[in-house]
Amino acid sequence: MSKLKNEPLLLKKAIEVGEKYAKNRGYAEFSPTDAAKDKIESLYRLLVMDKLIQPLALDQENSINMKHKLALWIARQLPKDHVLLK
């Protein structure tokens, strides 16, 4: 698994977009006190359930790999000339 350029910023953007997606799907909003780890896992599971991303193998499900999957997901959603992809 190779690290993406700007991966922390892509992850932040993925959480932001993912929260909006979850809210539009009818899920309750995340609380400002929710841990980032919990948000990441919830968003990852929602995107897998909606078949927007491929699930990780069960022995690979950890926070590092979930973060990477979310960063990959948002990188594919952004326009090719987006600042985070340069």
N, C-alpha and C. Protein backbone atom coordinates (compact mmCIF):
# COMPACT_ATOMS: atom_id res chain seq x y z
N MET A 1 0.85 -1.17 0.00
CA MET A 1 0.00 0.00 0.00
C MET A 1 0.90 1.23 0.00
N SER A 2 0.83 2.00 -1.05
CA SER A 2 1.65 3.19 -1.13
C SER A 2 0.87 4.40 -0.60
N LYS A 3 1.60 5.23 0.09
CA LYS A 3 0.98 6.41 0.67
C LYS A 3 0.71 7.44 -0.42
N LEU A 4 -0.43 8.07 -0.33
CA LEU A 4 -0.80 9.11 -1.29
C LEU A 4 -0.16 10.43 -0.89
N LYS A 5 0.09 11.25 -1.89
CA LYS A 5 0.57 12.59 -1.60
C LYS A 5 -0.60 13.36 -0.97
N ASN A 6 -0.35 14.10 0.08
CA ASN A 6 -1.37 14.86 0.80
C ASN A 6 -2.41 13.96 1.47
N GLU A 7 -2.03 12.75 1.84
CA GLU A 7 -3.00 11.81 2.42
C GLU A 7 -3.70 12.35 3.67
N PRO A 8 -3.02 13.02 4.60
CA PRO A 8 -3.75 13.55 5.76
C PRO A 8 -4.81 14.58 5.37
N LEU A 9 -4.51 15.41 4.38
CA LEU A 9 -5.48 16.41 3.93
C LEU A 9 -6.63 15.75 3.16
N LEU A 10 -6.29 14.72 2.40
CA LEU A 10 -7.34 13.97 1.70
C LEU A 10 -8.27 13.28 2.69
N LEU A 11 -7.70 12.75 3.76
CA LEU A 11 -8.51 12.09 4.79
C LEU A 11 -9.45 13.10 5.44
N LYS A 12 -8.93 14.28 5.74
CA LYS A 12 -9.76 15.33 6.34
C LYS A 12 -10.93 15.68 5.42
N LYS A 13 -10.64 15.80 4.13
CA LYS A 13 -11.68 16.10 3.14
C LYS A 13 -12.68 14.94 3.05
N ALA A 14 -12.17 13.70 3.11
CA ALA A 14 -13.04 12.52 3.05
C ALA A 14 -14.00 12.49 4.24
N ILE A 15 -13.52 12.85 5.40
CA ILE A 15 -14.38 12.87 6.58
C ILE A 15 -15.46 13.94 6.41
N GLU A 16 -15.06 15.10 5.92
CA GLU A 16 -16.01 16.19 5.71
C GLU A 16 -17.10 15.79 4.72
N VAL A 17 -16.70 15.25 3.59
CA VAL A 17 -17.66 14.83 2.55
C VAL A 17 -18.46 13.63 3.04
N GLY A 18 -17.80 12.71 3.71
CA GLY A 18 -18.47 11.52 4.23
C GLY A 18 -19.54 11.84 5.25
N GLU A 19 -19.28 12.84 6.08
CA GLU A 19 -20.29 13.24 7.07
C GLU A 19 -21.53 13.78 6.37
N LYS A 20 -21.34 14.57 5.31
CA LYS A 20 -22.48 15.09 4.55
C LYS A 20 -23.24 13.95 3.87
N TYR A 21 -22.49 13.00 3.33
CA TYR A 21 -23.11 11.84 2.68
C TYR A 21 -23.94 11.05 3.69
N ALA A 22 -23.37 10.81 4.87
CA ALA A 22 -24.08 10.06 5.90
C ALA A 22 -25.35 10.78 6.33
N LYS A 23 -25.26 12.08 6.48
CA LYS A 23 -26.43 12.86 6.88
C LYS A 23 -27.52 12.77 5.81
N ASN A 24 -27.13 12.86 4.53
CA ASN A 24 -28.10 12.74 3.43
C ASN A 24 -28.71 11.34 3.37
N ARG A 25 -27.99 10.35 3.85
CA ARG A 25 -28.49 8.98 3.88
C ARG A 25 -29.43 8.74 5.05
N GLY A 26 -29.54 9.73 5.95
CA GLY A 26 -30.47 9.60 7.06
C GLY A 26 -29.83 9.26 8.39
N TYR A 27 -28.51 9.20 8.42
CA TYR A 27 -27.83 8.94 9.68
C TYR A 27 -27.76 10.21 10.49
N ALA A 28 -27.76 10.07 11.80
CA ALA A 28 -27.63 11.23 12.68
C ALA A 28 -26.26 11.85 12.48
N GLU A 29 -26.17 13.14 12.75
CA GLU A 29 -24.90 13.83 12.60
C GLU A 29 -23.90 13.34 13.63
N PHE A 30 -22.63 13.47 13.28
CA PHE A 30 -21.58 13.16 14.23
C PHE A 30 -21.50 14.30 15.23
N SER A 31 -21.22 13.96 16.45
CA SER A 31 -21.05 14.95 17.50
C SER A 31 -19.65 15.53 17.40
N PRO A 32 -19.47 16.81 17.76
CA PRO A 32 -18.12 17.38 17.75
C PRO A 32 -17.17 16.66 18.71
N THR A 33 -17.72 15.94 19.66
CA THR A 33 -16.87 15.22 20.62
C THR A 33 -16.56 13.79 20.18
N ASP A 34 -17.12 13.35 19.05
CA ASP A 34 -16.81 12.01 18.54
C ASP A 34 -15.35 11.95 18.13
N ALA A 35 -14.71 10.86 18.48
CA ALA A 35 -13.31 10.67 18.11
C ALA A 35 -13.18 10.46 16.61
N ALA A 36 -12.08 10.95 16.04
CA ALA A 36 -11.84 10.79 14.61
C ALA A 36 -11.82 9.31 14.23
N LYS A 37 -11.27 8.48 15.11
CA LYS A 37 -11.20 7.04 14.85
C LYS A 37 -12.61 6.46 14.66
N ASP A 38 -13.54 6.90 15.49
CA ASP A 38 -14.92 6.41 15.38
C ASP A 38 -15.59 6.90 14.09
N LYS A 39 -15.33 8.16 13.73
CA LYS A 39 -15.89 8.70 12.50
C LYS A 39 -15.36 7.92 11.29
N ILE A 40 -14.06 7.67 11.30
CA ILE A 40 -13.43 6.97 10.18
C ILE A 40 -14.02 5.58 10.02
N GLU A 41 -14.14 4.86 11.13
CA GLU A 41 -14.69 3.50 11.05
C GLU A 41 -16.15 3.52 10.59
N SER A 42 -16.94 4.45 11.10
CA SER A 42 -18.35 4.54 10.71
C SER A 42 -18.49 4.87 9.23
N LEU A 43 -17.72 5.84 8.77
CA LEU A 43 -17.79 6.22 7.36
C LEU A 43 -17.30 5.10 6.45
N TYR A 44 -16.23 4.43 6.86
CA TYR A 44 -15.73 3.30 6.08
C TYR A 44 -16.81 2.23 5.95
N ARG A 45 -17.45 1.87 7.05
CA ARG A 45 -18.47 0.82 7.02
C ARG A 45 -19.69 1.24 6.20
N LEU A 46 -20.07 2.51 6.27
CA LEU A 46 -21.19 3.01 5.47
C LEU A 46 -20.86 2.93 3.98
N LEU A 47 -19.66 3.35 3.61
CA LEU A 47 -19.28 3.32 2.20
C LEU A 47 -19.16 1.90 1.67
N VAL A 48 -18.71 0.98 2.51
CA VAL A 48 -18.66 -0.43 2.12
C VAL A 48 -20.07 -0.97 1.95
N MET A 49 -20.93 -0.65 2.90
CA MET A 49 -22.31 -1.13 2.85
C MET A 49 -23.02 -0.62 1.59
N ASP A 50 -22.73 0.62 1.20
CA ASP A 50 -23.34 1.20 -0.01
C ASP A 50 -22.58 0.84 -1.28
N LYS A 51 -21.55 0.01 -1.12
CA LYS A 51 -20.73 -0.48 -2.24
C LYS A 51 -20.06 0.63 -3.02
N LEU A 52 -19.64 1.67 -2.30
CA LEU A 52 -18.89 2.76 -2.92
C LEU A 52 -17.39 2.52 -2.85
N ILE A 53 -16.97 1.65 -1.93
CA ILE A 53 -15.57 1.24 -1.84
C ILE A 53 -15.52 -0.26 -1.59
N GLN A 54 -14.42 -0.86 -2.00
CA GLN A 54 -14.21 -2.29 -1.77
C GLN A 54 -13.85 -2.51 -0.31
N PRO A 55 -14.41 -3.52 0.32
CA PRO A 55 -14.05 -3.79 1.71
C PRO A 55 -12.64 -4.35 1.82
N LEU A 56 -12.02 -4.06 2.93
CA LEU A 56 -10.71 -4.63 3.23
C LEU A 56 -10.89 -6.09 3.65
N ALA A 57 -9.85 -6.87 3.49
CA ALA A 57 -9.88 -8.24 4.02
C ALA A 57 -10.01 -8.14 5.54
N LEU A 58 -10.68 -9.11 6.14
CA LEU A 58 -10.94 -9.04 7.59
C LEU A 58 -9.67 -8.88 8.41
N ASP A 59 -8.59 -9.53 7.99
CA ASP A 59 -7.34 -9.41 8.76
C ASP A 59 -6.62 -8.09 8.49
N GLN A 60 -7.12 -7.30 7.53
CA GLN A 60 -6.52 -6.00 7.21
C GLN A 60 -7.32 -4.82 7.75
N GLU A 61 -8.45 -5.10 8.40
CA GLU A 61 -9.29 -4.02 8.91
C GLU A 61 -8.65 -3.40 10.14
N ASN A 62 -8.01 -2.28 9.95
CA ASN A 62 -7.47 -1.50 11.06
C ASN A 62 -7.58 -0.02 10.68
N SER A 63 -7.33 0.85 11.62
CA SER A 63 -7.56 2.27 11.37
C SER A 63 -6.65 2.82 10.28
N ILE A 64 -5.43 2.34 10.18
CA ILE A 64 -4.51 2.84 9.15
C ILE A 64 -5.03 2.52 7.75
N ASN A 65 -5.46 1.29 7.56
CA ASN A 65 -5.98 0.88 6.25
C ASN A 65 -7.32 1.54 5.94
N MET A 66 -8.16 1.75 6.96
CA MET A 66 -9.43 2.43 6.73
C MET A 66 -9.19 3.89 6.33
N LYS A 67 -8.23 4.53 6.97
CA LYS A 67 -7.88 5.91 6.60
C LYS A 67 -7.42 5.97 5.15
N HIS A 68 -6.59 5.02 4.77
CA HIS A 68 -6.08 4.98 3.41
C HIS A 68 -7.21 4.77 2.40
N LYS A 69 -8.13 3.88 2.72
CA LYS A 69 -9.28 3.62 1.84
C LYS A 69 -10.13 4.88 1.65
N LEU A 70 -10.35 5.61 2.75
CA LEU A 70 -11.14 6.84 2.66
C LEU A 70 -10.41 7.89 1.83
N ALA A 71 -9.09 7.99 2.00
CA ALA A 71 -8.31 8.94 1.21
C ALA A 71 -8.35 8.57 -0.27
N LEU A 72 -8.25 7.29 -0.59
CA LEU A 72 -8.36 6.84 -1.99
C LEU A 72 -9.74 7.16 -2.56
N TRP A 73 -10.77 6.93 -1.76
CA TRP A 73 -12.14 7.19 -2.20
C TRP A 73 -12.32 8.66 -2.58
N ILE A 74 -11.88 9.55 -1.71
CA ILE A 74 -12.09 10.98 -1.99
C ILE A 74 -11.20 11.43 -3.13
N ALA A 75 -10.00 10.87 -3.25
CA ALA A 75 -9.11 11.24 -4.34
C ALA A 75 -9.75 10.92 -5.69
N ARG A 76 -10.52 9.85 -5.73
CA ARG A 76 -11.20 9.48 -6.98
C ARG A 76 -12.43 10.34 -7.25
N GLN A 77 -12.97 10.97 -6.21
CA GLN A 77 -14.15 11.81 -6.37
C GLN A 77 -13.80 13.24 -6.78
N LEU A 78 -12.60 13.67 -6.46
CA LEU A 78 -12.20 15.04 -6.74
C LEU A 78 -11.83 15.20 -8.22
N PRO A 79 -12.00 16.42 -8.74
CA PRO A 79 -11.57 16.67 -10.12
C PRO A 79 -10.06 16.50 -10.25
N LYS A 80 -9.60 16.14 -11.43
CA LYS A 80 -8.17 15.86 -11.66
C LYS A 80 -7.28 17.06 -11.31
N ASP A 81 -7.79 18.27 -11.46
CA ASP A 81 -6.96 19.45 -11.21
C ASP A 81 -7.13 20.02 -9.80
N HIS A 82 -7.72 19.27 -8.89
CA HIS A 82 -7.93 19.73 -7.51
C HIS A 82 -6.58 19.93 -6.81
N VAL A 83 -6.52 20.91 -5.95
CA VAL A 83 -5.28 21.26 -5.24
C VAL A 83 -4.72 20.09 -4.44
N LEU A 84 -5.56 19.28 -3.83
CA LEU A 84 -5.09 18.17 -3.00
C LEU A 84 -4.46 17.05 -3.81
N LEU A 85 -4.70 17.02 -5.10
CA LEU A 85 -4.16 15.95 -5.94
C LEU A 85 -2.84 16.33 -6.61
N LYS A 86 -2.40 17.56 -6.37
CA LYS A 86 -1.14 18.03 -6.98
C LYS A 86 0.03 17.76 -6.08
